Structures are given as structure tokens and as C-alpha cells.
Amino acid sequence: MTTDPTLDPRFLAAVQLLKRTGAQTFRIGYSDEDDGPPTVWYAVAEWPGNKAEADASIDPVDAVLRLCERVIDGGQCTHCRRPTIFVPDTDTAVLDQMGCVYAWDPELATFRRSCEGDT
């Protein structure tokens, strides 16, 4: 089975980002061992009004990062009103011109929006 996802600091930061979008519940799980390999991890978040989203991967951290991408991409930043883009790493040079990028900040161990501090 995959290593503990909480060892990757992006895991908790991604869950906190989902909470900042208004998610009220979050859960992560994996496929039944009886299904055979490979193990598939899923991440699910729920918002008020019976809205829910899910995503999956072979890696638990990637499942949560994919869920963040599904939720964040194509939205609108409530601060700068630009289209939102999620990037699970720090390389945002090209994307910064296209919208408000939520990217990994290793110093603060969080996903920060590119307009943070501007508004």
C-alpha cells in the first residue's frame, strides 16, 4: 500500500484549500483489496446544497491534488475576479498571465493565490 499521505505537506495544504472553497466535509479512501491491484485512492469533498466532487489516482496525494484542480480550475477569484487556476507545484510563470493561480508555497506550506497581497 502507498505510504502515509500526511508525510507530504501538500496533502494537508490541499485539504485546507478545499475548506477555503467552502467544503464542509472531506474524505479520502481506497479501493477494496478484493478488487486486486492496483490500489486506487479517491478524494471526495462536499459543499452546502448537496454539491459534491471526487477525483482519484494511484497515489493518495495526487488524488487530493486532482480534486483541488477539478474544484479550482475555471472558477473566479473572489478577490481579484480573474479566472482561477490550480497548480500543484511552484512553476506558474506562464499561467500567471492567464488568471489567478493557486500554487504551492513551500516556505509557508500552503497553496497561495497569485493575487494575495494585491487586494
Protein backbone atom coordinates (compact mmCIF):
# COMPACT_ATOMS: atom_id res chain seq x y z
CA MET A 1 0.00 0.00 0.00
CA THR A 2 1.07 3.60 -0.57
CA THR A 3 2.97 5.49 2.10
CA ASP A 4 1.23 7.81 4.55
CA PRO A 5 -0.10 10.81 2.54
CA THR A 6 0.24 13.11 5.54
CA LEU A 7 4.02 12.92 5.14
CA ASP A 8 3.69 15.15 2.06
CA PRO A 9 2.97 18.73 3.28
CA ARG A 10 0.90 19.39 0.16
CA PHE A 11 -1.71 16.87 1.36
CA LEU A 12 -2.87 18.87 4.40
CA ALA A 13 -2.48 22.16 2.50
CA ALA A 14 -4.72 20.81 -0.30
CA VAL A 15 -7.37 19.73 2.22
CA GLN A 16 -7.21 23.20 3.79
CA LEU A 17 -7.59 24.78 0.34
CA LEU A 18 -10.74 22.73 -0.25
CA LYS A 19 -12.06 24.00 3.08
CA ARG A 20 -11.33 27.58 1.96
CA THR A 21 -13.56 26.96 -1.08
CA GLY A 22 -16.40 26.24 1.35
CA ALA A 23 -16.16 22.44 1.51
CA GLN A 24 -17.80 21.21 4.69
CA THR A 25 -16.66 17.62 4.54
CA PHE A 26 -13.67 15.81 3.09
CA ARG A 27 -12.78 12.15 2.99
CA ILE A 28 -10.15 10.00 1.39
CA GLY A 29 -10.27 6.28 0.84
CA TYR A 30 -9.00 3.49 -1.33
CA SER A 31 -10.34 0.59 -3.33
CA ASP A 32 -11.13 -2.72 -1.68
CA GLU A 33 -8.21 -5.16 -1.56
CA ASP A 34 -10.53 -7.80 -3.05
CA ASP A 35 -10.62 -5.72 -6.26
CA GLY A 36 -6.95 -6.56 -6.76
CA PRO A 37 -4.08 -4.30 -7.71
CA PRO A 38 -3.53 -1.53 -8.29
CA THR A 39 -4.95 0.24 -5.27
CA VAL A 40 -6.97 3.28 -6.35
CA TRP A 41 -7.24 6.22 -3.96
CA TYR A 42 -10.20 8.61 -4.07
CA ALA A 43 -10.79 12.03 -2.53
CA VAL A 44 -14.28 13.45 -2.01
CA ALA A 45 -15.43 16.86 -0.77
CA GLU A 46 -18.95 18.12 -0.14
CA TRP A 47 -20.35 21.67 -0.11
CA PRO A 48 -23.69 23.07 1.04
CA GLY A 49 -26.61 22.42 -1.29
CA ASN A 50 -25.81 18.75 -1.96
CA LYS A 51 -22.81 19.62 -4.15
CA ALA A 52 -20.00 17.10 -4.14
CA GLU A 53 -16.90 16.43 -6.23
CA ALA A 54 -14.50 13.50 -6.34
CA ASP A 55 -11.28 12.52 -8.04
CA ALA A 56 -8.92 9.56 -7.93
CA SER A 57 -5.36 8.41 -8.51
CA ILE A 58 -2.98 5.58 -7.76
CA ASP A 59 -1.37 7.93 -5.18
CA PRO A 60 -3.41 9.48 -2.32
CA VAL A 61 -1.72 12.88 -2.53
CA ASP A 62 -2.31 13.03 -6.28
CA ALA A 63 -5.99 12.18 -5.71
CA VAL A 64 -6.40 15.23 -3.44
CA LEU A 65 -4.40 17.48 -5.78
CA ARG A 66 -6.58 16.37 -8.71
CA LEU A 67 -9.68 17.17 -6.66
CA CYS A 68 -8.30 20.67 -6.00
CA GLU A 69 -7.68 21.09 -9.72
CA ARG A 70 -11.23 19.96 -10.52
CA VAL A 71 -12.70 22.42 -7.98
CA ILE A 72 -10.42 25.45 -8.50
CA ASP A 73 -9.83 25.48 -12.28
CA GLY A 74 -12.33 27.61 -14.15
CA GLY A 75 -13.72 29.38 -11.12
CA GLN A 76 -13.47 33.08 -10.34
CA CYS A 77 -11.23 34.52 -7.64
CA THR A 78 -13.37 36.32 -5.08
CA HIS A 79 -10.51 38.76 -4.50
CA CYS A 80 -9.28 39.81 -7.97
CA ARG A 81 -12.18 38.45 -10.09
CA ARG A 82 -9.78 36.71 -12.52
CA PRO A 83 -10.29 33.08 -13.61
CA THR A 84 -8.79 30.65 -11.09
CA ILE A 85 -6.12 28.08 -11.93
CA PHE A 86 -4.71 25.39 -9.61
CA VAL A 87 -1.07 24.33 -9.94
CA PRO A 88 0.24 21.63 -7.57
CA ASP A 89 3.82 22.94 -7.78
CA THR A 90 5.62 26.28 -7.86
CA ASP A 91 6.14 26.79 -11.61
CA THR A 92 3.46 29.34 -12.57
CA ALA A 93 5.28 31.76 -14.88
CA VAL A 94 3.11 31.24 -17.97
CA LEU A 95 -0.16 30.72 -16.09
CA ASP A 96 0.16 33.94 -14.05
CA GLN A 97 -0.78 35.85 -17.21
CA MET A 98 -3.94 33.79 -17.67
CA GLY A 99 -5.59 34.14 -14.28
CA CYS A 100 -5.27 33.93 -10.52
CA VAL A 101 -3.05 30.93 -9.85
CA TYR A 102 -3.30 28.89 -6.66
CA ALA A 103 0.20 27.41 -6.37
CA TRP A 104 2.28 25.61 -3.78
CA ASP A 105 4.32 27.88 -1.49
CA PRO A 106 6.92 25.63 0.20
CA GLU A 107 8.02 28.33 2.64
CA LEU A 108 4.54 28.74 4.10
CA ALA A 109 3.47 25.15 3.36
CA THR A 110 0.23 26.30 1.75
CA PHE A 111 -1.40 26.88 -1.61
CA ARG A 112 -1.46 30.65 -2.17
CA ARG A 113 -3.32 32.62 -4.78
CA SER A 114 -1.21 34.83 -7.05
CA CYS A 115 -3.21 37.95 -6.16
CA GLU A 116 -2.57 37.51 -2.44
CA GLY A 117 -1.32 40.78 -1.04
CA ASP A 118 -2.62 42.71 -4.08
CA THR A 119 -6.17 43.13 -2.76
